[in-house]
Amino acid sequence: MLKKVVVLLLIGFVVYYLLTTPTSAADAVNDAFDGIMNAFDQLRTFFNELTG
């Protein structure tokens, strides 16, 4: 039950954040995506160096 309440509060916060500051929210999503892509690029480099 507590987990469900926490999830609903988290979803509510995300919706509130998106509605009140859409530009900042878009920047945050873009930064997160860039970070994930950078991590995959680093993994690719690691495996290329490991096998090459």
PDB file of N, CA and C in Angstrom:
ATOM      1  N   MET A   1       0.825  -1.197   0.000  1.00  0.00           N
ATOM      2  CA  MET A   1       0.000   0.000   0.000  1.00  0.00           C
ATOM      3  C   MET A   1       0.869   1.261   0.000  1.00  0.00           C
ATOM      4  N   LEU A   2       1.916   1.254   0.826  1.00  0.00           N
ATOM      5  CA  LEU A   2       2.811   2.410   0.889  1.00  0.00           C
ATOM      6  C   LEU A   2       3.520   2.619  -0.440  1.00  0.00           C
ATOM      7  N   LYS A   3       3.910   1.515  -1.080  1.00  0.00           N
ATOM      8  CA  LYS A   3       4.583   1.613  -2.376  1.00  0.00           C
ATOM      9  C   LYS A   3       3.659   2.267  -3.407  1.00  0.00           C
ATOM     10  N   LYS A   4       2.395   1.913  -3.376  1.00  0.00           N
ATOM     11  CA  LYS A   4       1.423   2.479  -4.317  1.00  0.00           C
ATOM     12  C   LYS A   4       1.263   3.984  -4.094  1.00  0.00           C
ATOM     13  N   VAL A   5       1.227   4.403  -2.833  1.00  0.00           N
ATOM     14  CA  VAL A   5       1.100   5.828  -2.512  1.00  0.00           C
ATOM     15  C   VAL A   5       2.337   6.586  -2.984  1.00  0.00           C
ATOM     16  N   VAL A   6       3.512   6.017  -2.755  1.00  0.00           N
ATOM     17  CA  VAL A   6       4.756   6.675  -3.174  1.00  0.00           C
ATOM     18  C   VAL A   6       4.806   6.803  -4.688  1.00  0.00           C
ATOM     19  N   VAL A   7       4.404   5.763  -5.401  1.00  0.00           N
ATOM     20  CA  VAL A   7       4.390   5.812  -6.867  1.00  0.00           C
ATOM     21  C   VAL A   7       3.416   6.878  -7.352  1.00  0.00           C
ATOM     22  N   LEU A   8       2.235   6.946  -6.761  1.00  0.00           N
ATOM     23  CA  LEU A   8       1.259   7.958  -7.162  1.00  0.00           C
ATOM     24  C   LEU A   8       1.763   9.368  -6.867  1.00  0.00           C
ATOM     25  N   LEU A   9       2.416   9.557  -5.727  1.00  0.00           N
ATOM     26  CA  LEU A   9       2.993  10.868  -5.418  1.00  0.00           C
ATOM     27  C   LEU A   9       4.093  11.239  -6.401  1.00  0.00           C
ATOM     28  N   LEU A  10       4.907  10.281  -6.760  1.00  0.00           N
ATOM     29  CA  LEU A  10       5.979  10.527  -7.727  1.00  0.00           C
ATOM     30  C   LEU A  10       5.399  10.895  -9.097  1.00  0.00           C
ATOM     31  N   ILE A  11       4.386  10.177  -9.533  1.00  0.00           N
ATOM     32  CA  ILE A  11       3.737  10.490 -10.811  1.00  0.00           C
ATOM     33  C   ILE A  11       3.105  11.880 -10.753  1.00  0.00           C
ATOM     34  N   GLY A  12       2.477  12.192  -9.636  1.00  0.00           N
ATOM     35  CA  GLY A  12       1.869  13.514  -9.467  1.00  0.00           C
ATOM     36  C   GLY A  12       2.908  14.624  -9.528  1.00  0.00           C
ATOM     37  N   PHE A  13       4.061  14.400  -8.903  1.00  0.00           N
ATOM     38  CA  PHE A  13       5.130  15.394  -8.947  1.00  0.00           C
ATOM     39  C   PHE A  13       5.639  15.586 -10.363  1.00  0.00           C
ATOM     40  N   VAL A  14       5.814  14.490 -11.107  1.00  0.00           N
ATOM     41  CA  VAL A  14       6.303  14.580 -12.485  1.00  0.00           C
ATOM     42  C   VAL A  14       5.310  15.349 -13.353  1.00  0.00           C
ATOM     43  N   VAL A  15       4.029  15.056 -13.210  1.00  0.00           N
ATOM     44  CA  VAL A  15       3.013  15.772 -13.990  1.00  0.00           C
ATOM     45  C   VAL A  15       3.009  17.255 -13.626  1.00  0.00           C
ATOM     46  N   TYR A  16       3.092  17.563 -12.345  1.00  0.00           N
ATOM     47  CA  TYR A  16       3.138  18.956 -11.906  1.00  0.00           C
ATOM     48  C   TYR A  16       4.364  19.668 -12.485  1.00  0.00           C
ATOM     49  N   TYR A  17       5.516  18.999 -12.432  1.00  0.00           N
ATOM     50  CA  TYR A  17       6.753  19.577 -12.958  1.00  0.00           C
ATOM     51  C   TYR A  17       6.641  19.835 -14.451  1.00  0.00           C
ATOM     52  N   LEU A  18       6.070  18.879 -15.189  1.00  0.00           N
ATOM     53  CA  LEU A  18       5.919  19.043 -16.637  1.00  0.00           C
ATOM     54  C   LEU A  18       4.974  20.189 -16.978  1.00  0.00           C
ATOM     55  N   LEU A  19       3.926  20.358 -16.200  1.00  0.00           N
ATOM     56  CA  LEU A  19       2.950  21.404 -16.498  1.00  0.00           C
ATOM     57  C   LEU A  19       3.421  22.795 -16.089  1.00  0.00           C
ATOM     58  N   THR A  20       4.232  22.878 -15.035  1.00  0.00           N
ATOM     59  CA  THR A  20       4.645  24.201 -14.565  1.00  0.00           C
ATOM     60  C   THR A  20       5.913  24.696 -15.246  1.00  0.00           C
ATOM     61  N   THR A  21       6.824  23.806 -15.609  1.00  0.00           N
ATOM     62  CA  THR A  21       8.074  24.224 -16.249  1.00  0.00           C
ATOM     63  C   THR A  21       8.414  23.279 -17.393  1.00  0.00           C
ATOM     64  N   PRO A  22       7.681  23.374 -18.486  1.00  0.00           N
ATOM     65  CA  PRO A  22       7.915  22.435 -19.582  1.00  0.00           C
ATOM     66  C   PRO A  22       9.300  22.566 -20.219  1.00  0.00           C
ATOM     67  N   THR A  23       9.858  23.766 -20.262  1.00  0.00           N
ATOM     68  CA  THR A  23      11.178  23.940 -20.859  1.00  0.00           C
ATOM     69  C   THR A  23      12.246  23.258 -20.005  1.00  0.00           C
ATOM     70  N   SER A  24      12.172  23.449 -18.707  1.00  0.00           N
ATOM     71  CA  SER A  24      13.131  22.801 -17.812  1.00  0.00           C
ATOM     72  C   SER A  24      12.964  21.284 -17.838  1.00  0.00           C
ATOM     73  N   ALA A  25      11.726  20.828 -17.930  1.00  0.00           N
ATOM     74  CA  ALA A  25      11.477  19.386 -17.993  1.00  0.00           C
ATOM     75  C   ALA A  25      12.062  18.804 -19.272  1.00  0.00           C
ATOM     76  N   ALA A  26      11.899  19.511 -20.373  1.00  0.00           N
ATOM     77  CA  ALA A  26      12.462  19.033 -21.638  1.00  0.00           C
ATOM     78  C   ALA A  26      13.986  19.012 -21.573  1.00  0.00           C
ATOM     79  N   ASP A  27      14.567  20.018 -20.944  1.00  0.00           N
ATOM     80  CA  ASP A  27      16.023  20.035 -20.780  1.00  0.00           C
ATOM     81  C   ASP A  27      16.494  18.867 -19.919  1.00  0.00           C
ATOM     82  N   ALA A  28      15.746  18.555 -18.862  1.00  0.00           N
ATOM     83  CA  ALA A  28      16.121  17.448 -17.986  1.00  0.00           C
ATOM     84  C   ALA A  28      16.055  16.123 -18.727  1.00  0.00           C
ATOM     85  N   VAL A  29      15.014  15.931 -19.521  1.00  0.00           N
ATOM     86  CA  VAL A  29      14.884  14.693 -20.298  1.00  0.00           C
ATOM     87  C   VAL A  29      16.006  14.602 -21.334  1.00  0.00           C
ATOM     88  N   ASN A  30      16.306  15.712 -21.978  1.00  0.00           N
ATOM     89  CA  ASN A  30      17.377  15.746 -22.968  1.00  0.00           C
ATOM     90  C   ASN A  30      18.725  15.425 -22.325  1.00  0.00           C
ATOM     91  N   ASP A  31      18.971  16.001 -21.149  1.00  0.00           N
ATOM     92  CA  ASP A  31      20.227  15.722 -20.444  1.00  0.00           C
ATOM     93  C   ASP A  31      20.311  14.258 -20.028  1.00  0.00           C
ATOM     94  N   ALA A  32      19.206  13.701 -19.564  1.00  0.00           N
ATOM     95  CA  ALA A  32      19.195  12.291 -19.168  1.00  0.00           C
ATOM     96  C   ALA A  32      19.461  11.405 -20.379  1.00  0.00           C
ATOM     97  N   PHE A  33      18.834  11.718 -21.504  1.00  0.00           N
ATOM     98  CA  PHE A  33      19.050  10.942 -22.725  1.00  0.00           C
ATOM     99  C   PHE A  33      20.507  11.038 -23.174  1.00  0.00           C
ATOM    100  N   ASP A  34      21.079  12.242 -23.093  1.00  0.00           N
ATOM    101  CA  ASP A  34      22.486  12.414 -23.457  1.00  0.00           C
ATOM    102  C   ASP A  34      23.394  11.600 -22.538  1.00  0.00           C
ATOM    103  N   GLY A  35      23.066  11.559 -21.259  1.00  0.00           N
ATOM    104  CA  GLY A  35      23.852  10.776 -20.321  1.00  0.00           C
ATOM    105  C   GLY A  35      23.788   9.288 -20.615  1.00  0.00           C
ATOM    106  N   ILE A  36      22.608   8.798 -20.959  1.00  0.00           N
ATOM    107  CA  ILE A  36      22.447   7.379 -21.299  1.00  0.00           C
ATOM    108  C   ILE A  36      23.216   7.059 -22.567  1.00  0.00           C
ATOM    109  N   MET A  37      23.122   7.926 -23.566  1.00  0.00           N
ATOM    110  CA  MET A  37      23.846   7.693 -24.812  1.00  0.00           C
ATOM    111  C   MET A  37      25.357   7.732 -24.584  1.00  0.00           C
ATOM    112  N   ASN A  38      25.817   8.618 -23.711  1.00  0.00           N
ATOM    113  CA  ASN A  38      27.233   8.689 -23.388  1.00  0.00           C
ATOM    114  C   ASN A  38      27.690   7.403 -22.703  1.00  0.00           C
ATOM    115  N   ALA A  39      26.874   6.878 -21.803  1.00  0.00           N
ATOM    116  CA  ALA A  39      27.221   5.634 -21.116  1.00  0.00           C
ATOM    117  C   ALA A  39      27.339   4.482 -22.114  1.00  0.00           C
ATOM    118  N   PHE A  40      26.398   4.381 -23.049  1.00  0.00           N
ATOM    119  CA  PHE A  40      26.474   3.324 -24.059  1.00  0.00           C
ATOM    120  C   PHE A  40      27.696   3.504 -24.960  1.00  0.00           C
ATOM    121  N   ASP A  41      28.015   4.742 -25.265  1.00  0.00           N
ATOM    122  CA  ASP A  41      29.208   5.000 -26.084  1.00  0.00           C
ATOM    123  C   ASP A  41      30.471   4.568 -25.347  1.00  0.00           C
ATOM    124  N   GLN A  42      30.531   4.828 -24.050  1.00  0.00           N
ATOM    125  CA  GLN A  42      31.685   4.412 -23.259  1.00  0.00           C
ATOM    126  C   GLN A  42      31.779   2.889 -23.181  1.00  0.00           C
ATOM    127  N   LEU A  43      30.633   2.214 -23.059  1.00  0.00           N
ATOM    128  CA  LEU A  43      30.632   0.749 -23.060  1.00  0.00           C
ATOM    129  C   LEU A  43      31.108   0.199 -24.400  1.00  0.00           C
ATOM    130  N   ARG A  44      30.658   0.828 -25.479  1.00  0.00           N
ATOM    131  CA  ARG A  44      31.082   0.406 -26.812  1.00  0.00           C
ATOM    132  C   ARG A  44      32.591   0.572 -26.961  1.00  0.00           C
ATOM    133  N   THR A  45      33.114   1.694 -26.500  1.00  0.00           N
ATOM    134  CA  THR A  45      34.554   1.937 -26.561  1.00  0.00           C
ATOM    135  C   THR A  45      35.311   0.901 -25.735  1.00  0.00           C
ATOM    136  N   PHE A  46      34.798   0.598 -24.561  1.00  0.00           N
ATOM    137  CA  PHE A  46      35.443  -0.395 -23.699  1.00  0.00           C
ATOM    138  C   PHE A  46      35.518  -1.749 -24.388  1.00  0.00           C
ATOM    139  N   PHE A  47      34.405  -2.199 -24.960  1.00  0.00           N
ATOM    140  CA  PHE A  47      34.406  -3.510 -25.601  1.00  0.00           C
ATOM    141  C   PHE A  47      35.230  -3.518 -26.882  1.00  0.00           C
ATOM    142  N   ASN A  48      35.253  -2.412 -27.600  1.00  0.00           N
ATOM    143  CA  ASN A  48      36.117  -2.331 -28.772  1.00  0.00           C
ATOM    144  C   ASN A  48      37.587  -2.424 -28.386  1.00  0.00           C
ATOM    145  N   GLU A  49      37.977  -1.761 -27.306  1.00  0.00           N
ATOM    146  CA  GLU A  49      39.360  -1.828 -26.855  1.00  0.00           C
ATOM    147  C   GLU A  49      39.681  -3.218 -26.288  1.00  0.00           C
ATOM    148  N   LEU A  50      38.707  -3.849 -25.686  1.00  0.00           N
ATOM    149  CA  LEU A  50      38.911  -5.163 -25.108  1.00  0.00           C
ATOM    150  C   LEU A  50      39.125  -6.225 -26.187  1.00  0.00           C
ATOM    151  N   THR A  51      38.373  -6.105 -27.277  1.00  0.00           N
ATOM    152  CA  THR A  51      38.461  -7.116 -28.340  1.00  0.00           C
ATOM    153  C   THR A  51      39.445  -6.727 -29.430  1.00  0.00           C
ATOM    154  N   GLY A  52      39.804  -5.478 -29.498  1.00  0.00           N
ATOM    155  CA  GLY A  52      40.650  -5.033 -30.600  1.00  0.00           C
ATOM    156  C   GLY A  52      42.073  -5.055 -30.258  1.00  0.00           C
TER     157      GLY A  52
END
